[in-house]
Amino acid sequence: MSGPAAARARRRAVRRGTGNPALVVVAGFTGAAAVGTALLSLPAATASGQRAPLVDALFTAVSAVCVTGLVTVDTGTYWSGPGQAVILLLIQAGGLGIMTLATLLALLLRHRLGLRARLVAQAETKTLTGADVRRVVRRVVLFSLGCEAVVAVVLTARFLTTYDASLGGGLYEGVFHAVSAFNNAGFSTHADSLVGYAGDPVVLGTLCAAVVVGGLGFPVVFELVRSWRRPSTWSVLTRVTVLVTAVLLVVGTVGVLVPEAGNPATLGGLDVEDRLLGAVTASVMARTAGFNAVDIGALHPETLFLHDVLMFIGGGSAGTAGGIKVTTFGILAFVVWAEVRGEPDAVVGRRRVPRETQRQALTVALLGVGLCTLGTSLLLDMTAEPLDAVLFEAVSAFGTVGLSTGITADLPTDARLVLVGLMLAGRVGPLTAATALALRERTRRTQLPEERTIVG
């Protein structure tokens, strides 16, 4: 048996062995969130010793496992040491989980292997063996823990030498913020996030570096390590990720610096160097990290809208960042560029982008637009908050960013549940959508007649 019949038989065998991988991914994250909710509902999880309201425990657990950072209560004062430890473990599990699954997906797409089993790193592997899967998972874990350890050491040393922290306090702060930053979670033990470090290049620079590295994605980072001197050998994934990331960082920095330089409530009260540092930090953190070194609620409307765009795009594929991903945005940009020039194909670095990849990118982007639109509409109906604040909140939840204009804690229960749904959809949605689209690829034996229609 060969050809389409063999392919169908293999797909049936995989279905019998593994079920639907998209459902497995969703079940994994929702299961982790359920366990986190139960643990955070215990009296020992709060500083007061009283049980946290269910909606607060659920919201915090989902935000942590989806590495978002939106909170309804202050992390540093409301939750006890054990409660904060649960949050940190959920962040670590969520970050490692999504990095591992997405990295395996990237490997499979690159090598044109079967997808379904790799997404759960378990079943039929065809040419990718179980040993390969274990090696990839091990490298992802070691890479993540290594980066977090380096960041934690730098931050701890800074807290001890500059902020007179105790050894235990400085170490705890360093580890907590290192894990949160590398996983693009944005959780902080400080009520004002990083505002207290607004003029500190060591703290902000280290956290920004951790966010960028974690957000680039495991395959991209390792390809850059291997061949950073030979850009001509980079894959399309690496080319698009590096190019779009660099462009967005520059655009975000300029887009924040220009309107906010005269705003005394944000960057206006800082000197030139600190203004630039604050703008760079804002640009990096808007790419799904969620930390803030300035008051988000005091930003000008145009700066808030720029944040909406950056949060929606997000970071790299197979990384800890959220959003529709820079690869999705980059592929669509190359498609538009090819269409404007009248080229038949979208080309990236002398490589033609397959039509199915273009369709998948368009589908993921439009699904993201639809979810953000639906979430914004529901929040507007449930609250009396203005559109710009509500849109910011919805996009922040979908992009698993965690930035807020300050309305999260004041939202009613039904609105919080909408944000919970957006966080889950934003965390697992792009991955499961890409998987489902790839798994549904099939070859037609016949072609229907073509008919052009008016566009635009």
Protein backbone atom coordinates (compact mmCIF):
# COMPACT_ATOMS: atom_id res chain seq x y z
CA MET A 1 0.00 0.00 0.00
CA SER A 2 1.45 3.37 -1.00
CA GLY A 3 0.50 6.90 -1.89
CA PRO A 4 -2.70 8.52 -0.55
CA ALA A 5 -4.01 5.20 0.82
CA ALA A 6 -0.86 4.69 2.88
CA ALA A 7 -1.00 8.25 4.15
CA ARG A 8 -4.60 7.78 5.22
CA ALA A 9 -3.69 4.55 7.01
CA ARG A 10 -0.86 6.27 8.87
CA ARG A 11 -3.17 9.10 9.94
CA ARG A 12 -5.72 6.58 11.22
CA ALA A 13 -2.99 4.76 13.17
CA VAL A 14 -1.85 8.01 14.75
CA ARG A 15 -5.39 8.93 15.71
CA ARG A 16 -5.84 5.57 17.41
CA GLY A 17 -2.54 6.03 19.26
CA THR A 18 -2.64 9.64 20.32
CA GLY A 19 -6.02 11.21 19.83
CA ASN A 20 -6.25 14.85 18.89
CA PRO A 21 -2.99 16.66 19.81
CA ALA A 22 -4.72 20.03 19.91
CA LEU A 23 -7.05 18.70 22.59
CA VAL A 24 -4.10 17.24 24.48
CA VAL A 25 -2.37 20.66 24.52
CA VAL A 26 -5.54 22.39 25.70
CA ALA A 27 -6.17 19.71 28.31
CA GLY A 28 -2.61 20.03 29.59
CA PHE A 29 -2.84 23.77 30.16
CA THR A 30 -6.35 23.70 31.59
CA GLY A 31 -5.36 20.82 33.86
CA ALA A 32 -2.35 22.76 35.15
CA ALA A 33 -4.57 25.79 35.68
CA ALA A 34 -7.07 23.67 37.61
CA VAL A 35 -4.35 22.30 39.90
CA GLY A 36 -2.99 25.81 40.41
CA THR A 37 -6.45 27.11 41.23
CA ALA A 38 -6.92 24.42 43.86
CA LEU A 39 -3.53 25.16 45.46
CA LEU A 40 -4.08 28.92 45.46
CA SER A 41 -7.48 28.39 47.06
CA LEU A 42 -5.85 26.92 50.16
CA PRO A 43 -5.63 29.22 53.21
CA ALA A 44 -1.85 28.75 53.32
CA ALA A 45 -1.54 30.39 49.89
CA THR A 46 -2.58 33.85 51.12
CA ALA A 47 -0.72 36.18 53.44
CA SER A 48 -3.86 36.65 55.56
CA GLY A 49 -4.43 32.93 56.01
CA GLN A 50 -7.94 33.24 54.57
CA ARG A 51 -9.12 31.38 51.49
CA ALA A 52 -8.78 33.44 48.33
CA PRO A 53 -12.01 33.97 46.37
CA LEU A 54 -12.31 31.32 43.67
CA VAL A 55 -12.27 33.84 40.84
CA ASP A 56 -9.01 35.38 42.10
CA ALA A 57 -7.37 31.98 42.49
CA LEU A 58 -8.55 30.91 39.02
CA PHE A 59 -7.51 34.17 37.38
CA THR A 60 -4.05 34.09 38.95
CA ALA A 61 -3.48 30.41 38.12
CA VAL A 62 -4.50 30.84 34.47
CA SER A 63 -2.43 34.02 34.19
CA ALA A 64 0.60 32.19 35.60
CA VAL A 65 0.37 28.99 33.57
CA CYS A 66 -0.33 31.02 30.43
CA VAL A 67 2.68 33.23 31.36
CA THR A 68 0.56 36.35 31.06
CA GLY A 69 1.00 38.46 34.18
CA LEU A 70 -2.43 40.05 34.52
CA VAL A 71 -3.45 40.06 38.18
CA THR A 72 -6.53 40.94 40.19
CA VAL A 73 -4.58 41.11 43.49
CA ASP A 74 -1.06 42.25 44.29
CA THR A 75 1.29 39.29 43.97
CA GLY A 76 3.81 40.44 46.55
CA THR A 77 1.41 41.28 49.38
CA TYR A 78 -1.71 39.17 48.84
CA TRP A 79 -0.08 35.78 48.32
CA SER A 80 2.09 34.15 50.97
CA GLY A 81 5.47 32.53 50.34
CA PRO A 82 3.88 29.17 49.45
CA GLY A 83 1.35 30.95 47.24
CA GLN A 84 4.08 32.80 45.36
CA ALA A 85 5.97 29.50 45.01
CA VAL A 86 2.89 27.98 43.35
CA ILE A 87 2.72 30.93 40.96
CA LEU A 88 6.41 30.54 40.14
CA LEU A 89 6.01 26.81 39.45
CA LEU A 90 3.01 27.48 37.21
CA ILE A 91 5.04 30.05 35.27
CA GLN A 92 7.89 27.59 34.86
CA ALA A 93 5.60 24.78 33.80
CA GLY A 94 3.73 26.96 31.34
CA GLY A 95 6.89 28.39 29.81
CA LEU A 96 8.69 25.07 29.48
CA GLY A 97 5.55 23.36 28.23
CA ILE A 98 4.86 25.77 25.43
CA MET A 99 8.54 26.00 24.45
CA THR A 100 8.89 22.24 24.26
CA LEU A 101 5.71 21.63 22.31
CA ALA A 102 6.30 24.50 19.91
CA THR A 103 9.93 23.49 19.35
CA LEU A 104 8.89 19.98 18.41
CA LEU A 105 6.30 21.43 16.04
CA ALA A 106 8.94 23.63 14.42
CA LEU A 107 11.22 20.62 13.92
CA LEU A 108 8.46 18.64 12.33
CA LEU A 109 7.43 21.43 10.01
CA ARG A 110 11.01 21.95 8.94
CA HIS A 111 11.63 18.28 8.21
CA ARG A 112 8.13 17.59 6.85
CA LEU A 113 7.47 14.82 9.33
CA GLY A 114 4.21 13.70 10.88
CA LEU A 115 2.86 16.26 13.34
CA ARG A 116 0.26 14.78 15.58
CA ALA A 117 2.36 12.70 17.93
CA ARG A 118 5.22 15.21 18.20
CA LEU A 119 3.01 17.83 19.72
CA VAL A 120 2.54 15.65 22.76
CA ALA A 121 6.11 14.31 22.48
CA GLN A 122 4.91 10.76 22.88
CA ALA A 123 3.63 8.60 20.05
CA GLU A 124 4.45 7.56 16.49
CA THR A 125 7.58 9.33 15.32
CA LYS A 126 8.37 8.13 11.80
CA THR A 127 11.90 9.44 11.21
CA LEU A 128 12.05 11.40 14.51
CA THR A 129 12.76 8.80 17.17
CA GLY A 130 11.83 8.81 20.81
CA ALA A 131 15.47 9.48 21.61
CA ASP A 132 15.33 12.59 19.40
CA VAL A 133 12.30 13.83 21.26
CA ARG A 134 13.97 13.25 24.61
CA ARG A 135 17.11 15.04 23.43
CA VAL A 136 15.13 18.06 22.25
CA VAL A 137 13.15 18.23 25.49
CA ARG A 138 16.34 17.92 27.54
CA ARG A 139 18.05 20.69 25.58
CA VAL A 140 15.06 22.99 25.96
CA VAL A 141 14.93 22.40 29.71
CA LEU A 142 18.68 22.89 30.20
CA PHE A 143 18.70 25.98 28.01
CA SER A 144 15.78 27.52 29.91
CA LEU A 145 17.13 26.75 33.36
CA GLY A 146 20.61 27.92 32.37
CA CYS A 147 19.35 31.28 31.12
CA GLU A 148 17.22 31.75 34.22
CA ALA A 149 20.20 30.94 36.46
CA VAL A 150 22.43 33.52 34.76
CA VAL A 151 19.74 36.21 35.00
CA ALA A 152 19.05 35.32 38.63
CA VAL A 153 22.73 35.67 39.55
CA VAL A 154 23.02 39.09 37.90
CA LEU A 155 19.81 40.38 39.48
CA THR A 156 20.66 39.00 42.91
CA ALA A 157 24.08 40.64 42.84
CA ARG A 158 22.49 43.95 41.83
CA PHE A 159 19.84 43.79 44.55
CA LEU A 160 22.46 42.97 47.20
CA THR A 161 24.96 45.65 46.21
CA THR A 162 22.69 48.52 45.17
CA TYR A 163 19.40 48.09 47.02
CA ASP A 164 20.67 46.79 50.36
CA ALA A 165 18.62 43.63 50.12
CA SER A 166 19.30 40.77 52.49
CA LEU A 167 20.88 37.64 51.05
CA GLY A 168 17.66 35.67 51.23
CA GLY A 169 15.51 38.55 49.99
CA GLY A 170 17.85 39.45 47.15
CA LEU A 171 18.15 35.82 46.05
CA TYR A 172 14.38 35.34 46.11
CA GLU A 173 13.75 38.55 44.16
CA GLY A 174 16.42 37.59 41.64
CA VAL A 175 15.08 34.09 41.04
CA PHE A 176 11.44 35.19 40.90
CA HIS A 177 12.06 37.95 38.35
CA ALA A 178 14.47 35.79 36.34
CA VAL A 179 11.92 33.02 35.90
CA SER A 180 9.16 35.51 35.21
CA ALA A 181 11.22 37.43 32.65
CA PHE A 182 12.63 34.49 30.68
CA ASN A 183 9.16 32.96 30.44
CA ASN A 184 7.73 36.34 29.39
CA ALA A 185 5.30 36.18 32.29
CA GLY A 186 5.56 39.69 33.72
CA PHE A 187 4.72 38.71 37.30
CA SER A 188 6.49 40.87 39.86
CA THR A 189 6.57 40.91 43.63
CA HIS A 190 6.36 44.72 43.50
CA ALA A 191 2.98 46.42 43.23
CA ASP A 192 4.38 48.92 40.70
CA SER A 193 6.26 46.24 38.73
CA LEU A 194 9.60 47.76 37.62
CA VAL A 195 8.79 51.43 38.18
CA GLY A 196 11.19 51.45 41.14
CA TYR A 197 14.02 50.47 38.79
CA ALA A 198 13.16 52.99 36.08
CA GLY A 199 16.69 54.42 35.97
CA ASP A 200 18.61 51.18 36.57
CA PRO A 201 20.25 49.92 33.34
CA VAL A 202 21.49 46.72 34.97
CA VAL A 203 18.10 45.52 36.22
CA LEU A 204 16.11 46.68 33.19
CA GLY A 205 18.78 45.64 30.69
CA THR A 206 19.10 42.16 32.19
CA LEU A 207 15.35 41.63 32.26
CA CYS A 208 14.99 42.91 28.69
CA ALA A 209 17.70 40.51 27.52
CA ALA A 210 15.95 37.60 29.24
CA VAL A 211 12.63 38.56 27.66
CA VAL A 212 14.12 38.80 24.17
CA VAL A 213 16.02 35.50 24.41
CA GLY A 214 13.01 33.67 25.80
CA GLY A 215 10.76 35.24 23.20
CA LEU A 216 12.94 34.43 20.19
CA GLY A 217 12.31 30.73 20.48
CA PHE A 218 14.54 27.73 21.05
CA PRO A 219 15.18 26.79 17.38
CA VAL A 220 16.09 30.37 16.47
CA VAL A 221 18.45 30.85 19.41
CA PHE A 222 20.29 27.61 18.70
CA GLU A 223 20.60 28.38 15.00
CA LEU A 224 21.99 31.81 15.85
CA VAL A 225 24.50 30.21 18.24
CA ARG A 226 25.64 27.79 15.55
CA SER A 227 25.79 30.13 12.58
CA TRP A 228 25.53 33.75 13.73
CA ARG A 229 28.45 34.65 11.47
CA ARG A 230 26.76 33.17 8.38
CA PRO A 231 23.37 34.86 7.94
CA SER A 232 23.17 33.51 4.39
CA THR A 233 22.69 30.01 5.85
CA TRP A 234 19.87 30.96 8.18
CA SER A 235 16.51 29.27 7.77
CA VAL A 236 13.41 31.22 6.84
CA LEU A 237 12.21 30.92 10.45
CA THR A 238 15.36 32.56 11.79
CA ARG A 239 15.50 35.22 9.08
CA VAL A 240 11.92 36.31 9.61
CA THR A 241 12.13 36.16 13.42
CA VAL A 242 15.34 38.20 13.66
CA LEU A 243 14.30 40.77 11.05
CA VAL A 244 10.79 41.40 12.36
CA THR A 245 11.96 41.40 16.00
CA ALA A 246 14.62 44.01 15.26
CA VAL A 247 12.22 46.19 13.28
CA LEU A 248 9.54 46.04 15.96
CA LEU A 249 12.01 46.85 18.72
CA VAL A 250 13.17 49.96 16.86
CA VAL A 251 9.65 51.02 15.90
CA GLY A 252 8.41 50.41 19.43
CA THR A 253 11.25 52.38 21.00
CA VAL A 254 10.75 55.38 18.73
CA GLY A 255 6.97 55.11 19.00
CA VAL A 256 7.13 55.30 22.78
CA LEU A 257 9.95 57.84 23.08
CA VAL A 258 8.55 60.52 20.77
CA PRO A 259 5.06 61.02 22.29
CA GLU A 260 6.05 60.24 25.89
CA ALA A 261 9.20 62.39 26.12
CA GLY A 262 7.03 65.37 27.03
CA ASN A 263 4.68 63.43 29.33
CA PRO A 264 5.71 64.19 32.95
CA ALA A 265 3.70 61.19 34.19
CA THR A 266 5.79 58.71 32.17
CA LEU A 267 9.14 59.55 30.52
CA GLY A 268 8.97 63.34 30.73
CA GLY A 269 10.39 63.54 34.23
CA LEU A 270 13.52 61.49 33.41
CA ASP A 271 16.86 62.56 31.96
CA VAL A 272 17.79 61.71 28.36
CA GLU A 273 19.53 58.41 29.12
CA ASP A 274 16.72 57.20 31.36
CA ARG A 275 14.11 58.21 28.78
CA LEU A 276 15.81 56.08 26.17
CA LEU A 277 16.14 53.20 28.63
CA GLY A 278 12.47 53.51 29.52
CA ALA A 279 11.41 53.56 25.86
CA VAL A 280 13.50 50.50 25.03
CA THR A 281 12.11 48.68 28.05
CA ALA A 282 8.54 49.55 27.09
CA SER A 283 9.15 48.34 23.53
CA VAL A 284 10.59 45.02 24.73
CA MET A 285 7.99 44.40 27.42
CA ALA A 286 5.07 45.15 25.10
CA ARG A 287 6.16 42.08 23.14
CA THR A 288 4.34 39.85 25.71
CA ALA A 289 6.56 40.27 28.78
CA GLY A 290 4.20 42.38 30.89
CA PHE A 291 6.67 44.24 33.11
CA ASN A 292 6.37 48.01 33.12
CA ALA A 293 8.84 50.69 34.21
CA VAL A 294 6.35 53.52 33.66
CA ASP A 295 2.71 54.00 34.59
CA ILE A 296 0.77 52.35 31.74
CA GLY A 297 -2.44 54.15 32.69
CA ALA A 298 -0.70 57.51 32.14
CA LEU A 299 0.42 56.79 28.56
CA HIS A 300 -0.95 58.90 25.72
CA PRO A 301 -3.68 57.25 23.58
CA GLU A 302 -1.34 56.87 20.59
CA THR A 303 1.20 55.08 22.78
CA LEU A 304 -1.49 52.77 24.12
CA PHE A 305 -2.52 51.93 20.56
CA LEU A 306 1.09 51.19 19.62
CA HIS A 307 1.19 48.82 22.58
CA ASP A 308 -1.97 47.16 21.24
CA VAL A 309 -0.22 46.47 17.95
CA LEU A 310 2.99 45.19 19.55
CA MET A 311 1.08 42.99 22.01
CA PHE A 312 -1.03 41.50 19.23
CA ILE A 313 2.02 40.58 17.13
CA GLY A 314 3.93 39.14 20.08
CA GLY A 315 7.24 37.30 19.88
CA GLY A 316 8.89 34.40 18.10
CA SER A 317 7.50 30.95 17.41
CA ALA A 318 8.60 28.10 19.70
CA GLY A 319 9.35 30.65 22.42
CA THR A 320 7.72 31.76 25.64
CA ALA A 321 6.12 34.83 24.05
CA GLY A 322 2.50 35.05 22.97
CA GLY A 323 0.57 36.92 20.28
CA ILE A 324 0.09 35.75 16.71
CA LYS A 325 3.94 35.57 16.50
CA VAL A 326 6.42 37.63 14.52
CA THR A 327 6.70 34.81 11.99
CA THR A 328 3.00 35.08 11.19
CA PHE A 329 3.25 38.84 10.86
CA GLY A 330 6.49 38.60 8.86
CA ILE A 331 5.16 36.03 6.41
CA LEU A 332 2.09 38.17 5.76
CA ALA A 333 4.33 41.21 5.25
CA PHE A 334 6.39 39.33 2.64
CA VAL A 335 3.18 38.18 0.95
CA VAL A 336 1.93 41.77 0.75
CA TRP A 337 5.31 42.93 -0.58
CA ALA A 338 5.28 40.25 -3.28
CA GLU A 339 1.73 41.15 -4.27
CA VAL A 340 2.53 44.87 -4.47
CA ARG A 341 5.49 44.11 -6.72
CA GLY A 342 3.46 41.74 -8.88
CA GLU A 343 5.62 38.75 -7.96
CA PRO A 344 4.02 35.31 -8.20
CA ASP A 345 5.71 34.04 -5.02
CA ALA A 346 6.60 35.39 -1.58
CA VAL A 347 10.36 34.91 -1.20
CA VAL A 348 12.45 35.09 1.98
CA GLY A 349 16.21 34.75 1.58
CA ARG A 350 16.05 32.90 -1.74
CA ARG A 351 13.43 30.56 -0.37
CA ARG A 352 9.86 30.49 -1.60
CA VAL A 353 7.20 30.52 1.10
CA PRO A 354 4.71 27.70 0.43
CA ARG A 355 1.14 28.71 -0.29
CA GLU A 356 -0.13 26.55 2.57
CA THR A 357 2.12 28.44 5.00
CA GLN A 358 0.73 31.72 3.71
CA ARG A 359 -2.83 30.49 4.24
CA GLN A 360 -2.01 29.27 7.72
CA ALA A 361 -0.48 32.63 8.64
CA LEU A 362 -3.54 34.46 7.37
CA THR A 363 -5.84 32.13 9.28
CA VAL A 364 -3.96 32.53 12.57
CA ALA A 365 -3.92 36.32 12.19
CA LEU A 366 -7.62 36.56 11.41
CA LEU A 367 -8.51 34.21 14.26
CA GLY A 368 -6.53 36.50 16.55
CA VAL A 369 -8.38 39.55 15.26
CA GLY A 370 -11.67 37.77 15.79
CA LEU A 371 -10.87 36.75 19.36
CA CYS A 372 -9.69 40.24 20.32
CA THR A 373 -12.76 41.80 18.73
CA LEU A 374 -15.10 39.38 20.51
CA GLY A 375 -13.34 39.88 23.83
CA THR A 376 -13.41 43.65 23.52
CA SER A 377 -17.12 43.62 22.66
CA LEU A 378 -17.94 41.44 25.66
CA LEU A 379 -15.88 43.58 28.03
CA LEU A 380 -17.50 46.77 26.75
CA ASP A 381 -20.91 45.24 27.43
CA MET A 382 -19.91 44.12 30.94
CA THR A 383 -18.11 47.23 32.14
CA ALA A 384 -18.31 51.02 31.93
CA GLU A 385 -14.62 51.38 31.04
CA PRO A 386 -13.62 53.35 27.91
CA LEU A 387 -12.80 51.60 24.65
CA ASP A 388 -9.05 52.23 24.73
CA ALA A 389 -8.69 50.68 28.20
CA VAL A 390 -10.91 47.72 27.36
CA LEU A 391 -9.19 47.05 24.03
CA PHE A 392 -5.81 47.22 25.78
CA GLU A 393 -6.97 44.71 28.38
CA ALA A 394 -8.36 42.28 25.79
CA VAL A 395 -5.28 42.39 23.57
CA SER A 396 -3.01 42.07 26.61
CA ALA A 397 -4.87 38.93 27.67
CA PHE A 398 -4.89 37.39 24.19
CA GLY A 399 -1.23 38.24 23.63
CA THR A 400 -0.41 36.82 27.11
CA VAL A 401 1.33 40.10 27.89
CA GLY A 402 0.06 41.15 31.29
CA LEU A 403 0.21 44.91 30.86
CA SER A 404 -2.82 46.82 32.09
CA THR A 405 -4.03 50.37 32.41
CA GLY A 406 -5.08 49.50 35.96
CA ILE A 407 -8.63 48.27 35.47
CA THR A 408 -8.10 44.53 35.97
CA ALA A 409 -8.80 44.47 39.71
CA ASP A 410 -11.97 46.54 39.27
CA LEU A 411 -13.55 44.31 36.62
CA PRO A 412 -16.65 42.30 37.58
CA THR A 413 -16.49 38.53 37.78
CA ASP A 414 -17.94 37.88 34.32
CA ALA A 415 -15.42 40.24 32.74
CA ARG A 416 -12.58 38.49 34.55
CA LEU A 417 -13.80 35.16 33.18
CA VAL A 418 -13.71 36.64 29.68
CA LEU A 419 -10.06 37.54 30.25
CA VAL A 420 -9.41 34.01 31.51
CA GLY A 421 -10.80 32.66 28.25
CA LEU A 422 -8.70 35.09 26.21
CA MET A 423 -5.54 34.13 28.09
CA LEU A 424 -6.10 30.44 27.47
CA ALA A 425 -6.99 31.02 23.83
CA GLY A 426 -3.99 33.27 23.33
CA ARG A 427 -1.61 30.80 24.96
CA VAL A 428 -2.67 27.59 23.23
CA GLY A 429 -4.66 29.03 20.32
CA PRO A 430 -1.91 29.85 17.79
CA LEU A 431 -0.13 26.55 18.44
CA THR A 432 -3.24 24.39 18.21
CA ALA A 433 -4.51 26.34 15.20
CA ALA A 434 -1.21 25.87 13.37
CA THR A 435 -1.22 22.18 14.26
CA ALA A 436 -4.79 21.64 13.13
CA LEU A 437 -4.15 23.45 9.86
CA ALA A 438 -1.01 21.46 9.16
CA LEU A 439 -2.71 18.16 10.00
CA ARG A 440 -5.57 18.94 7.63
CA GLU A 441 -3.28 19.32 4.63
CA ARG A 442 -4.37 16.93 1.93
CA THR A 443 -3.74 16.39 -1.76
CA ARG A 444 -6.68 16.65 -4.15
CA ARG A 445 -6.80 14.30 -7.10
CA THR A 446 -8.84 16.80 -9.08
CA GLN A 447 -8.88 20.56 -9.42
CA LEU A 448 -11.99 22.66 -9.77
CA PRO A 449 -12.24 25.38 -12.43
CA GLU A 450 -10.76 28.72 -11.45
CA GLU A 451 -12.81 31.93 -11.39
CA ARG A 452 -11.48 35.37 -10.46
CA THR A 453 -13.49 37.82 -8.40
CA ILE A 454 -13.15 41.48 -7.50
CA VAL A 455 -10.94 42.21 -4.48
CA GLY A 456 -10.89 45.61 -2.82
